[in-house]
């Protein structure tokens, strides 16, 4: 596949809110959603924080048969929202949801208190349209992240609560995906300059797209 086409179905709506379309419509951590498309086949939640688990925004994108996947810490809250199917995943788990293959990757801080490893929070390796997308969630540069084999990585670069631009670039360079999209900057934390600094730190051959406005 042409590397440029890896990004054809990917949107970063706001902050870390991601939409991937194609054979299914998948939202990851919907937040700051400005319309009510109600078109989600699948919603993936990485962890508890308000900018990642937002009932208001989940309601805007969920349809009649939407499946939601969460770590254990948000499963009860997801059930309270009335979903017919709630799938709980822990780090290292694999699953199929809405017909798509998933693997849960640990997401945690190594030098900050905001995302303790023991919380069991996760990122996702999602295969859709024949492409493996790694959505890192809120994480630092971890050994588990560096071992992910993917085509496209969507990683946080805003610092404060996650990797900053330079740390994220080192992590991605170790992973070696074909393409990468920075997230988690320009709104709650970070500025537009973080995306540019991240791109400048990437190894030759890794194509970067800045999808946040």
Foldseek 3Di string as FASTA:
>chain_A
DPLVCVCVQWFCPAFLWIWGDDPFIEIFQFAPDDAQCQRHQEYEAQDDDCSRDPLVRCRSHHHDQHEYEFAPVCQVVVVVSPHPHYHHDFAQDWDAGSNKTKHWHQAAEDPDDPGHSVVRGTWIFIADPNFTETEGPAHFLDPRLLQDAGQEYEEEAQDPRHHHLQRVQVSCQSNDHQEYEYGRDPPPGHNPVRRVSNVVSHDPRYHYDYNDD
